[in-house]
Amino acid sequence: MNVGEKMKIKPELSTKQRMIKAALALFHKRGVPATSVDAVLGRSKTGKSQFTHYFKNKDGLVLSTLEYFEQEMHQGAYSPFRRLKPGNSWNNSCADFQNGRKPSITN
């Protein structure tokens, strides 16, 4: 599934996984600054107490989401990222992701 596609959050995923996948989809669509914790909770069908159990704040969610994305990327889930070289390409792609743009891939 392409990150930009509408992701359905599977109920069999753990609560933390549902929040991270919901955040990933919303961050990609809206950008990090425009995505509220409440929007993530609504999309993942979770509550604030669950959020605070797993994350200290929104920054913690962003960090966990980027870590999840990096793991998926290295496992080949997002094949265009396999062509990234360390350095500026990675940094630019992370900035694109954070701002809700499709990551730029340069060889």
PDB file of N, CA and C in Angstrom:
ATOM      1  N   MET A   1       0.843  -1.181   0.000  1.00  0.00           N
ATOM      2  CA  MET A   1       0.000   0.000   0.000  1.00  0.00           C
ATOM      3  C   MET A   1       0.885   1.239   0.000  1.00  0.00           C
ATOM      4  N   ASN A   2       0.576   2.161  -0.826  1.00  0.00           N
ATOM      5  CA  ASN A   2       1.262   3.431  -0.884  1.00  0.00           C
ATOM      6  C   ASN A   2       0.872   4.251   0.343  1.00  0.00           C
ATOM      7  N   VAL A   3       1.834   4.961   0.927  1.00  0.00           N
ATOM      8  CA  VAL A   3       1.557   5.732   2.138  1.00  0.00           C
ATOM      9  C   VAL A   3       0.438   6.747   1.923  1.00  0.00           C
ATOM     10  N   GLY A   4       0.284   7.260   0.733  1.00  0.00           N
ATOM     11  CA  GLY A   4      -0.740   8.256   0.451  1.00  0.00           C
ATOM     12  C   GLY A   4      -2.139   7.685   0.330  1.00  0.00           C
ATOM     13  N   GLU A   5      -2.246   6.388   0.159  1.00  0.00           N
ATOM     14  CA  GLU A   5      -3.559   5.777   0.051  1.00  0.00           C
ATOM     15  C   GLU A   5      -4.246   5.808   1.402  1.00  0.00           C
ATOM     16  N   LYS A   6      -5.573   5.744   1.371  1.00  0.00           N
ATOM     17  CA  LYS A   6      -6.320   5.742   2.615  1.00  0.00           C
ATOM     18  C   LYS A   6      -6.054   4.429   3.342  1.00  0.00           C
ATOM     19  N   MET A   7      -5.449   4.532   4.514  1.00  0.00           N
ATOM     20  CA  MET A   7      -5.127   3.348   5.290  1.00  0.00           C
ATOM     21  C   MET A   7      -6.291   3.003   6.205  1.00  0.00           C
ATOM     22  N   LYS A   8      -6.694   1.762   6.196  1.00  0.00           N
ATOM     23  CA  LYS A   8      -7.679   1.291   7.149  1.00  0.00           C
ATOM     24  C   LYS A   8      -6.911   0.715   8.321  1.00  0.00           C
ATOM     25  N   ILE A   9      -7.287   1.132   9.507  1.00  0.00           N
ATOM     26  CA  ILE A   9      -6.592   0.683  10.703  1.00  0.00           C
ATOM     27  C   ILE A   9      -7.253  -0.609  11.170  1.00  0.00           C
ATOM     28  N   LYS A  10      -6.512  -1.690  11.142  1.00  0.00           N
ATOM     29  CA  LYS A  10      -7.045  -3.004  11.488  1.00  0.00           C
ATOM     30  C   LYS A  10      -7.216  -3.137  12.997  1.00  0.00           C
ATOM     31  N   PRO A  11      -8.377  -3.615  13.453  1.00  0.00           N
ATOM     32  CA  PRO A  11      -8.606  -3.730  14.890  1.00  0.00           C
ATOM     33  C   PRO A  11      -7.699  -4.749  15.577  1.00  0.00           C
ATOM     34  N   GLU A  12      -7.145  -5.721  14.829  1.00  0.00           N
ATOM     35  CA  GLU A  12      -6.284  -6.721  15.466  1.00  0.00           C
ATOM     36  C   GLU A  12      -4.880  -6.189  15.774  1.00  0.00           C
ATOM     37  N   LEU A  13      -4.560  -5.004  15.295  1.00  0.00           N
ATOM     38  CA  LEU A  13      -3.283  -4.386  15.642  1.00  0.00           C
ATOM     39  C   LEU A  13      -3.325  -3.937  17.099  1.00  0.00           C
ATOM     40  N   SER A  14      -2.164  -3.840  17.720  1.00  0.00           N
ATOM     41  CA  SER A  14      -2.123  -3.332  19.090  1.00  0.00           C
ATOM     42  C   SER A  14      -2.570  -1.867  19.092  1.00  0.00           C
ATOM     43  N   THR A  15      -2.953  -1.400  20.247  1.00  0.00           N
ATOM     44  CA  THR A  15      -3.387  -0.006  20.384  1.00  0.00           C
ATOM     45  C   THR A  15      -2.290   0.939  19.914  1.00  0.00           C
ATOM     46  N   LYS A  16      -1.063   0.688  20.330  1.00  0.00           N
ATOM     47  CA  LYS A  16       0.049   1.547  19.934  1.00  0.00           C
ATOM     48  C   LYS A  16       0.246   1.511  18.422  1.00  0.00           C
ATOM     49  N   GLN A  17       0.171   0.331  17.827  1.00  0.00           N
ATOM     50  CA  GLN A  17       0.327   0.213  16.370  1.00  0.00           C
ATOM     51  C   GLN A  17      -0.787   0.960  15.646  1.00  0.00           C
ATOM     52  N   ARG A  18      -2.004   0.890  16.150  1.00  0.00           N
ATOM     53  CA  ARG A  18      -3.116   1.611  15.508  1.00  0.00           C
ATOM     54  C   ARG A  18      -2.874   3.115  15.548  1.00  0.00           C
ATOM     55  N   MET A  19      -2.387   3.611  16.685  1.00  0.00           N
ATOM     56  CA  MET A  19      -2.116   5.050  16.781  1.00  0.00           C
ATOM     57  C   MET A  19      -0.991   5.462  15.838  1.00  0.00           C
ATOM     58  N   ILE A  20       0.052   4.668  15.760  1.00  0.00           N
ATOM     59  CA  ILE A  20       1.185   4.997  14.883  1.00  0.00           C
ATOM     60  C   ILE A  20       0.766   4.959  13.422  1.00  0.00           C
ATOM     61  N   LYS A  21       0.011   3.942  13.018  1.00  0.00           N
ATOM     62  CA  LYS A  21      -0.422   3.862  11.613  1.00  0.00           C
ATOM     63  C   LYS A  21      -1.377   4.999  11.272  1.00  0.00           C
ATOM     64  N   ALA A  22      -2.253   5.350  12.204  1.00  0.00           N
ATOM     65  CA  ALA A  22      -3.156   6.482  11.977  1.00  0.00           C
ATOM     66  C   ALA A  22      -2.352   7.774  11.851  1.00  0.00           C
ATOM     67  N   ALA A  23      -1.374   7.956  12.733  1.00  0.00           N
ATOM     68  CA  ALA A  23      -0.529   9.153  12.679  1.00  0.00           C
ATOM     69  C   ALA A  23       0.234   9.221  11.359  1.00  0.00           C
ATOM     70  N   LEU A  24       0.780   8.102  10.920  1.00  0.00           N
ATOM     71  CA  LEU A  24       1.527   8.073   9.663  1.00  0.00           C
ATOM     72  C   LEU A  24       0.653   8.552   8.509  1.00  0.00           C
ATOM     73  N   ALA A  25      -0.550   8.040   8.439  1.00  0.00           N
ATOM     74  CA  ALA A  25      -1.454   8.426   7.349  1.00  0.00           C
ATOM     75  C   ALA A  25      -1.821   9.909   7.433  1.00  0.00           C
ATOM     76  N   LEU A  26      -2.109  10.381   8.632  1.00  0.00           N
ATOM     77  CA  LEU A  26      -2.500  11.783   8.789  1.00  0.00           C
ATOM     78  C   LEU A  26      -1.323  12.730   8.596  1.00  0.00           C
ATOM     79  N   PHE A  27      -0.154  12.363   9.103  1.00  0.00           N
ATOM     80  CA  PHE A  27       1.024  13.204   8.895  1.00  0.00           C
ATOM     81  C   PHE A  27       1.333  13.326   7.413  1.00  0.00           C
ATOM     82  N   HIS A  28       1.182  12.230   6.702  1.00  0.00           N
ATOM     83  CA  HIS A  28       1.454  12.259   5.265  1.00  0.00           C
ATOM     84  C   HIS A  28       0.443  13.146   4.539  1.00  0.00           C
ATOM     85  N   LYS A  29      -0.804  13.032   4.933  1.00  0.00           N
ATOM     86  CA  LYS A  29      -1.871  13.785   4.254  1.00  0.00           C
ATOM     87  C   LYS A  29      -1.858  15.269   4.615  1.00  0.00           C
ATOM     88  N   ARG A  30      -1.701  15.581   5.906  1.00  0.00           N
ATOM     89  CA  ARG A  30      -1.851  16.953   6.381  1.00  0.00           C
ATOM     90  C   ARG A  30      -0.541  17.632   6.768  1.00  0.00           C
ATOM     91  N   GLY A  31       0.480  16.829   7.042  1.00  0.00           N
ATOM     92  CA  GLY A  31       1.702  17.357   7.628  1.00  0.00           C
ATOM     93  C   GLY A  31       1.614  17.247   9.144  1.00  0.00           C
ATOM     94  N   VAL A  32       2.741  17.215   9.789  1.00  0.00           N
ATOM     95  CA  VAL A  32       2.777  17.050  11.245  1.00  0.00           C
ATOM     96  C   VAL A  32       2.138  18.238  11.960  1.00  0.00           C
ATOM     97  N   PRO A  33       2.496  19.482  11.603  1.00  0.00           N
ATOM     98  CA  PRO A  33       1.925  20.612  12.350  1.00  0.00           C
ATOM     99  C   PRO A  33       0.395  20.691  12.276  1.00  0.00           C
ATOM    100  N   ALA A  34      -0.180  20.271  11.170  1.00  0.00           N
ATOM    101  CA  ALA A  34      -1.629  20.377  10.978  1.00  0.00           C
ATOM    102  C   ALA A  34      -2.404  19.172  11.505  1.00  0.00           C
ATOM    103  N   THR A  35      -1.718  18.193  12.063  1.00  0.00           N
ATOM    104  CA  THR A  35      -2.377  16.992  12.588  1.00  0.00           C
ATOM    105  C   THR A  35      -2.416  17.063  14.106  1.00  0.00           C
ATOM    106  N   SER A  36      -3.622  17.034  14.650  1.00  0.00           N
ATOM    107  CA  SER A  36      -3.769  17.072  16.101  1.00  0.00           C
ATOM    108  C   SER A  36      -3.757  15.663  16.681  1.00  0.00           C
ATOM    109  N   VAL A  37      -3.436  15.587  17.952  1.00  0.00           N
ATOM    110  CA  VAL A  37      -3.502  14.302  18.655  1.00  0.00           C
ATOM    111  C   VAL A  37      -4.939  13.778  18.601  1.00  0.00           C
ATOM    112  N   ASP A  38      -5.907  14.669  18.755  1.00  0.00           N
ATOM    113  CA  ASP A  38      -7.312  14.245  18.703  1.00  0.00           C
ATOM    114  C   ASP A  38      -7.671  13.610  17.365  1.00  0.00           C
ATOM    115  N   ALA A  39      -7.099  14.137  16.272  1.00  0.00           N
ATOM    116  CA  ALA A  39      -7.359  13.546  14.953  1.00  0.00           C
ATOM    117  C   ALA A  39      -6.785  12.129  14.884  1.00  0.00           C
ATOM    118  N   VAL A  40      -5.606  11.932  15.441  1.00  0.00           N
ATOM    119  CA  VAL A  40      -4.980  10.604  15.467  1.00  0.00           C
ATOM    120  C   VAL A  40      -5.830   9.651  16.305  1.00  0.00           C
ATOM    121  N   LEU A  41      -6.287  10.134  17.465  1.00  0.00           N
ATOM    122  CA  LEU A  41      -7.111   9.292  18.333  1.00  0.00           C
ATOM    123  C   LEU A  41      -8.423   8.908  17.647  1.00  0.00           C
ATOM    124  N   GLY A  42      -9.028   9.849  16.959  1.00  0.00           N
ATOM    125  CA  GLY A  42     -10.267   9.562  16.245  1.00  0.00           C
ATOM    126  C   GLY A  42     -10.079   8.535  15.150  1.00  0.00           C
ATOM    127  N   ARG A  43      -9.021   8.696  14.388  1.00  0.00           N
ATOM    128  CA  ARG A  43      -8.768   7.761  13.285  1.00  0.00           C
ATOM    129  C   ARG A  43      -8.395   6.367  13.784  1.00  0.00           C
ATOM    130  N   SER A  44      -7.688   6.313  14.906  1.00  0.00           N
ATOM    131  CA  SER A  44      -7.258   5.014  15.435  1.00  0.00           C
ATOM    132  C   SER A  44      -8.269   4.398  16.398  1.00  0.00           C
ATOM    133  N   LYS A  45      -9.334   5.162  16.687  1.00  0.00           N
ATOM    134  CA  LYS A  45     -10.381   4.706  17.611  1.00  0.00           C
ATOM    135  C   LYS A  45      -9.779   4.339  18.973  1.00  0.00           C
ATOM    136  N   THR A  46      -8.964   5.271  19.481  1.00  0.00           N
ATOM    137  CA  THR A  46      -8.331   5.102  20.786  1.00  0.00           C
ATOM    138  C   THR A  46      -8.613   6.339  21.623  1.00  0.00           C
ATOM    139  N   GLY A  47      -8.237   6.291  22.884  1.00  0.00           N
ATOM    140  CA  GLY A  47      -8.513   7.399  23.794  1.00  0.00           C
ATOM    141  C   GLY A  47      -7.256   8.067  24.323  1.00  0.00           C
ATOM    142  N   LYS A  48      -7.462   9.204  24.997  1.00  0.00           N
ATOM    143  CA  LYS A  48      -6.330   9.983  25.526  1.00  0.00           C
ATOM    144  C   LYS A  48      -5.528   9.204  26.554  1.00  0.00           C
ATOM    145  N   SER A  49      -6.195   8.422  27.397  1.00  0.00           N
ATOM    146  CA  SER A  49      -5.446   7.669  28.405  1.00  0.00           C
ATOM    147  C   SER A  49      -4.540   6.635  27.732  1.00  0.00           C
ATOM    148  N   GLN A  50      -5.002   6.052  26.634  1.00  0.00           N
ATOM    149  CA  GLN A  50      -4.161   5.117  25.892  1.00  0.00           C
ATOM    150  C   GLN A  50      -2.987   5.854  25.265  1.00  0.00           C
ATOM    151  N   PHE A  51      -3.260   7.050  24.736  1.00  0.00           N
ATOM    152  CA  PHE A  51      -2.194   7.848  24.129  1.00  0.00           C
ATOM    153  C   PHE A  51      -1.106   8.145  25.154  1.00  0.00           C
ATOM    154  N   THR A  52      -1.502   8.627  26.341  1.00  0.00           N
ATOM    155  CA  THR A  52      -0.510   9.012  27.344  1.00  0.00           C
ATOM    156  C   THR A  52       0.216   7.800  27.932  1.00  0.00           C
ATOM    157  N   HIS A  53      -0.388   6.632  27.811  1.00  0.00           N
ATOM    158  CA  HIS A  53       0.294   5.409  28.256  1.00  0.00           C
ATOM    159  C   HIS A  53       1.512   5.110  27.364  1.00  0.00           C
ATOM    160  N   TYR A  54       1.377   5.365  26.069  1.00  0.00           N
ATOM    161  CA  TYR A  54       2.436   5.022  25.114  1.00  0.00           C
ATOM    162  C   TYR A  54       3.353   6.191  24.753  1.00  0.00           C
ATOM    163  N   PHE A  55       2.840   7.404  24.809  1.00  0.00           N
ATOM    164  CA  PHE A  55       3.607   8.569  24.346  1.00  0.00           C
ATOM    165  C   PHE A  55       3.529   9.681  25.384  1.00  0.00           C
ATOM    166  N   LYS A  56       4.636  10.358  25.597  1.00  0.00           N
ATOM    167  CA  LYS A  56       4.658  11.465  26.547  1.00  0.00           C
ATOM    168  C   LYS A  56       3.852  12.643  26.007  1.00  0.00           C
ATOM    169  N   ASN A  57       3.959  12.867  24.698  1.00  0.00           N
ATOM    170  CA  ASN A  57       3.286  13.991  24.041  1.00  0.00           C
ATOM    171  C   ASN A  57       3.307  13.753  22.525  1.00  0.00           C
ATOM    172  N   LYS A  58       2.899  14.746  21.774  1.00  0.00           N
ATOM    173  CA  LYS A  58       2.867  14.607  20.310  1.00  0.00           C
ATOM    174  C   LYS A  58       4.261  14.345  19.745  1.00  0.00           C
ATOM    175  N   ASP A  59       5.269  14.969  20.326  1.00  0.00           N
ATOM    176  CA  ASP A  59       6.642  14.738  19.856  1.00  0.00           C
ATOM    177  C   ASP A  59       7.017  13.260  19.970  1.00  0.00           C
ATOM    178  N   GLY A  60       6.583  12.619  21.052  1.00  0.00           N
ATOM    179  CA  GLY A  60       6.840  11.189  21.218  1.00  0.00           C
ATOM    180  C   GLY A  60       6.153  10.363  20.151  1.00  0.00           C
ATOM    181  N   LEU A  61       4.943  10.776  19.787  1.00  0.00           N
ATOM    182  CA  LEU A  61       4.217  10.092  18.709  1.00  0.00           C
ATOM    183  C   LEU A  61       4.930  10.282  17.379  1.00  0.00           C
ATOM    184  N   VAL A  62       5.381  11.490  17.113  1.00  0.00           N
ATOM    185  CA  VAL A  62       6.101  11.765  15.854  1.00  0.00           C
ATOM    186  C   VAL A  62       7.359  10.903  15.783  1.00  0.00           C
ATOM    187  N   LEU A  63       8.107  10.845  16.862  1.00  0.00           N
ATOM    188  CA  LEU A  63       9.328  10.042  16.883  1.00  0.00           C
ATOM    189  C   LEU A  63       9.011   8.559  16.646  1.00  0.00           C
ATOM    190  N   SER A  64       8.019   8.038  17.332  1.00  0.00           N
ATOM    191  CA  SER A  64       7.634   6.630  17.150  1.00  0.00           C
ATOM    192  C   SER A  64       7.155   6.364  15.727  1.00  0.00           C
ATOM    193  N   THR A  65       6.452   7.318  15.151  1.00  0.00           N
ATOM    194  CA  THR A  65       5.961   7.166  13.782  1.00  0.00           C
ATOM    195  C   THR A  65       7.134   7.141  12.798  1.00  0.00           C
ATOM    196  N   LEU A  66       8.106   8.009  12.996  1.00  0.00           N
ATOM    197  CA  LEU A  66       9.283   8.011  12.121  1.00  0.00           C
ATOM    198  C   LEU A  66      10.090   6.725  12.281  1.00  0.00           C
ATOM    199  N   GLU A  67      10.187   6.228  13.509  1.00  0.00           N
ATOM    200  CA  GLU A  67      10.891   4.955  13.732  1.00  0.00           C
ATOM    201  C   GLU A  67      10.163   3.812  13.025  1.00  0.00           C
ATOM    202  N   TYR A  68       8.846   3.797  13.114  1.00  0.00           N
ATOM    203  CA  TYR A  68       8.048   2.776  12.425  1.00  0.00           C
ATOM    204  C   TYR A  68       8.251   2.892  10.911  1.00  0.00           C
ATOM    205  N   PHE A  69       8.191   4.108  10.404  1.00  0.00           N
ATOM    206  CA  PHE A  69       8.348   4.343   8.969  1.00  0.00           C
ATOM    207  C   PHE A  69       9.722   3.876   8.506  1.00  0.00           C
ATOM    208  N   GLU A  70      10.742   4.158   9.296  1.00  0.00           N
ATOM    209  CA  GLU A  70      12.099   3.734   8.948  1.00  0.00           C
ATOM    210  C   GLU A  70      12.197   2.211   8.897  1.00  0.00           C
ATOM    211  N   GLN A  71      11.589   1.528   9.864  1.00  0.00           N
ATOM    212  CA  GLN A  71      11.594   0.063   9.867  1.00  0.00           C
ATOM    213  C   GLN A  71      10.896  -0.482   8.624  1.00  0.00           C
ATOM    214  N   GLU A  72       9.745   0.075   8.312  1.00  0.00           N
ATOM    215  CA  GLU A  72       9.004  -0.362   7.129  1.00  0.00           C
ATOM    216  C   GLU A  72       9.810  -0.102   5.857  1.00  0.00           C
ATOM    217  N   MET A  73      10.457   1.033   5.826  1.00  0.00           N
ATOM    218  CA  MET A  73      11.252   1.391   4.665  1.00  0.00           C
ATOM    219  C   MET A  73      12.385   0.387   4.454  1.00  0.00           C
ATOM    220  N   HIS A  74      13.073   0.049   5.519  1.00  0.00           N
ATOM    221  CA  HIS A  74      14.190  -0.888   5.403  1.00  0.00           C
ATOM    222  C   HIS A  74      13.729  -2.300   5.073  1.00  0.00           C
ATOM    223  N   GLN A  75      12.486  -2.628   5.379  1.00  0.00           N
ATOM    224  CA  GLN A  75      11.946  -3.945   5.044  1.00  0.00           C
ATOM    225  C   GLN A  75      11.379  -3.964   3.622  1.00  0.00           C
ATOM    226  N   GLY A  76      11.448  -2.841   2.933  1.00  0.00           N
ATOM    227  CA  GLY A  76      11.007  -2.787   1.547  1.00  0.00           C
ATOM    228  C   GLY A  76       9.555  -2.439   1.349  1.00  0.00           C
ATOM    229  N   ALA A  77       8.867  -2.040   2.409  1.00  0.00           N
ATOM    230  CA  ALA A  77       7.450  -1.698   2.277  1.00  0.00           C
ATOM    231  C   ALA A  77       7.248  -0.473   1.401  1.00  0.00           C
ATOM    232  N   TYR A  78       8.198   0.437   1.394  1.00  0.00           N
ATOM    233  CA  TYR A  78       8.120   1.648   0.586  1.00  0.00           C
ATOM    234  C   TYR A  78       9.284   1.619  -0.389  1.00  0.00           C
ATOM    235  N   SER A  79       9.125   0.868  -1.444  1.00  0.00           N
ATOM    236  CA  SER A  79      10.225   0.566  -2.351  1.00  0.00           C
ATOM    237  C   SER A  79      10.968   1.775  -2.904  1.00  0.00           C
ATOM    238  N   PRO A  80      10.345   2.929  -3.150  1.00  0.00           N
ATOM    239  CA  PRO A  80      11.153   4.037  -3.673  1.00  0.00           C
ATOM    240  C   PRO A  80      12.283   4.444  -2.735  1.00  0.00           C
ATOM    241  N   PHE A  81      12.118   4.205  -1.425  1.00  0.00           N
ATOM    242  CA  PHE A  81      13.133   4.608  -0.470  1.00  0.00           C
ATOM    243  C   PHE A  81      14.365   3.711  -0.517  1.00  0.00           C
ATOM    244  N   ARG A  82      14.273   2.562  -1.151  1.00  0.00           N
ATOM    245  CA  ARG A  82      15.448   1.698  -1.245  1.00  0.00           C
ATOM    246  C   ARG A  82      16.538   2.355  -2.064  1.00  0.00           C
ATOM    247  N   ARG A  83      16.177   3.330  -2.898  1.00  0.00           N
ATOM    248  CA  ARG A  83      17.161   4.019  -3.738  1.00  0.00           C
ATOM    249  C   ARG A  83      17.825   5.192  -3.030  1.00  0.00           C
ATOM    250  N   LEU A  84      17.368   5.526  -1.826  1.00  0.00           N
ATOM    251  CA  LEU A  84      17.931   6.679  -1.129  1.00  0.00           C
ATOM    252  C   LEU A  84      19.375   6.434  -0.724  1.00  0.00           C
ATOM    253  N   LYS A  85      20.166   7.458  -0.850  1.00  0.00           N
ATOM    254  CA  LYS A  85      21.532   7.417  -0.350  1.00  0.00           C
ATOM    255  C   LYS A  85      21.547   8.169   0.983  1.00  0.00           C
ATOM    256  N   PRO A  86      22.414   7.766   1.899  1.00  0.00           N
ATOM    257  CA  PRO A  86      22.497   8.491   3.172  1.00  0.00           C
ATOM    258  C   PRO A  86      22.831   9.959   2.939  1.00  0.00           C
ATOM    259  N   GLY A  87      22.408  10.797   3.832  1.00  0.00           N
ATOM    260  CA  GLY A  87      22.736  12.210   3.736  1.00  0.00           C
ATOM    261  C   GLY A  87      21.554  13.039   3.320  1.00  0.00           C
ATOM    262  N   ASN A  88      21.783  13.922   2.345  1.00  0.00           N
ATOM    263  CA  ASN A  88      20.753  14.878   1.971  1.00  0.00           C
ATOM    264  C   ASN A  88      19.475  14.245   1.453  1.00  0.00           C
ATOM    265  N   SER A  89      19.581  13.158   0.688  1.00  0.00           N
ATOM    266  CA  SER A  89      18.370  12.527   0.174  1.00  0.00           C
ATOM    267  C   SER A  89      17.468  12.101   1.327  1.00  0.00           C
ATOM    268  N   TRP A  90      18.061  11.486   2.336  1.00  0.00           N
ATOM    269  CA  TRP A  90      17.285  11.030   3.496  1.00  0.00           C
ATOM    270  C   TRP A  90      16.698  12.230   4.237  1.00  0.00           C
ATOM    271  N   ASN A  91      17.522  13.248   4.480  1.00  0.00           N
ATOM    272  CA  ASN A  91      17.053  14.430   5.198  1.00  0.00           C
ATOM    273  C   ASN A  91      15.938  15.136   4.447  1.00  0.00           C
ATOM    274  N   ASN A  92      16.096  15.287   3.144  1.00  0.00           N
ATOM    275  CA  ASN A  92      15.063  15.944   2.341  1.00  0.00           C
ATOM    276  C   ASN A  92      13.774  15.140   2.346  1.00  0.00           C
ATOM    277  N   SER A  93      13.879  13.828   2.269  1.00  0.00           N
ATOM    278  CA  SER A  93      12.702  12.980   2.268  1.00  0.00           C
ATOM    279  C   SER A  93      11.966  13.045   3.601  1.00  0.00           C
ATOM    280  N   CYS A  94      12.714  13.099   4.693  1.00  0.00           N
ATOM    281  CA  CYS A  94      12.086  13.241   6.013  1.00  0.00           C
ATOM    282  C   CYS A  94      11.369  14.585   6.113  1.00  0.00           C
ATOM    283  N   ALA A  95      11.995  15.642   5.605  1.00  0.00           N
ATOM    284  CA  ALA A  95      11.363  16.960   5.630  1.00  0.00           C
ATOM    285  C   ALA A  95      10.100  16.963   4.769  1.00  0.00           C
ATOM    286  N   ASP A  96      10.159  16.327   3.600  1.00  0.00           N
ATOM    287  CA  ASP A  96       8.975  16.231   2.748  1.00  0.00           C
ATOM    288  C   ASP A  96       7.853  15.504   3.479  1.00  0.00           C
ATOM    289  N   PHE A  97       8.181  14.384   4.112  1.00  0.00           N
ATOM    290  CA  PHE A  97       7.198  13.600   4.846  1.00  0.00           C
ATOM    291  C   PHE A  97       6.563  14.436   5.945  1.00  0.00           C
ATOM    292  N   GLN A  98       7.376  15.139   6.715  1.00  0.00           N
ATOM    293  CA  GLN A  98       6.875  15.921   7.831  1.00  0.00           C
ATOM    294  C   GLN A  98       5.926  17.012   7.354  1.00  0.00           C
ATOM    295  N   ASN A  99       6.167  17.542   6.166  1.00  0.00           N
ATOM    296  CA  ASN A  99       5.345  18.625   5.647  1.00  0.00           C
ATOM    297  C   ASN A  99       4.206  18.144   4.747  1.00  0.00           C
ATOM    298  N   GLY A 100       3.983  16.830   4.718  1.00  0.00           N
ATOM    299  CA  GLY A 100       2.853  16.292   3.976  1.00  0.00           C
ATOM    300  C   GLY A 100       3.056  16.204   2.481  1.00  0.00           C
ATOM    301  N   ARG A 101       4.304  16.275   2.042  1.00  0.00           N
ATOM    302  CA  ARG A 101       4.593  16.154   0.608  1.00  0.00           C
ATOM    303  C   ARG A 101       5.101  14.755   0.315  1.00  0.00           C
ATOM    304  N   LYS A 102       4.919  14.332  -0.915  1.00  0.00           N
ATOM    305  CA  LYS A 102       5.481  13.046  -1.327  1.00  0.00           C
ATOM    306  C   LYS A 102       7.002  13.175  -1.283  1.00  0.00           C
ATOM    307  N   PRO A 103       7.675  12.247  -0.599  1.00  0.00           N
ATOM    308  CA  PRO A 103       9.135  12.350  -0.489  1.00  0.00           C
ATOM    309  C   PRO A 103       9.811  12.383  -1.847  1.00  0.00           C
ATOM    310  N   SER A 104      10.789  13.285  -1.965  1.00  0.00           N
ATOM    311  CA  SER A 104      11.549  13.386  -3.215  1.00  0.00           C
ATOM    312  C   SER A 104      12.641  12.322  -3.198  1.00  0.00           C
ATOM    313  N   ILE A 105      12.778  11.642  -4.310  1.00  0.00           N
ATOM    314  CA  ILE A 105      13.783  10.582  -4.416  1.00  0.00           C
ATOM    315  C   ILE A 105      14.823  11.045  -5.423  1.00  0.00           C
ATOM    316  N   THR A 106      16.065  11.080  -4.974  1.00  0.00           N
ATOM    317  CA  THR A 106      17.155  11.417  -5.895  1.00  0.00           C
ATOM    318  C   THR A 106      18.170  10.292  -5.853  1.00  0.00           C
ATOM    319  N   ASN A 107      18.726   9.966  -6.967  1.00  0.00           N
ATOM    320  CA  ASN A 107      19.737   8.899  -7.045  1.00  0.00           C
ATOM    321  C   ASN A 107      21.111   9.473  -6.979  1.00  0.00           C
TER     322      ASN A 107
END
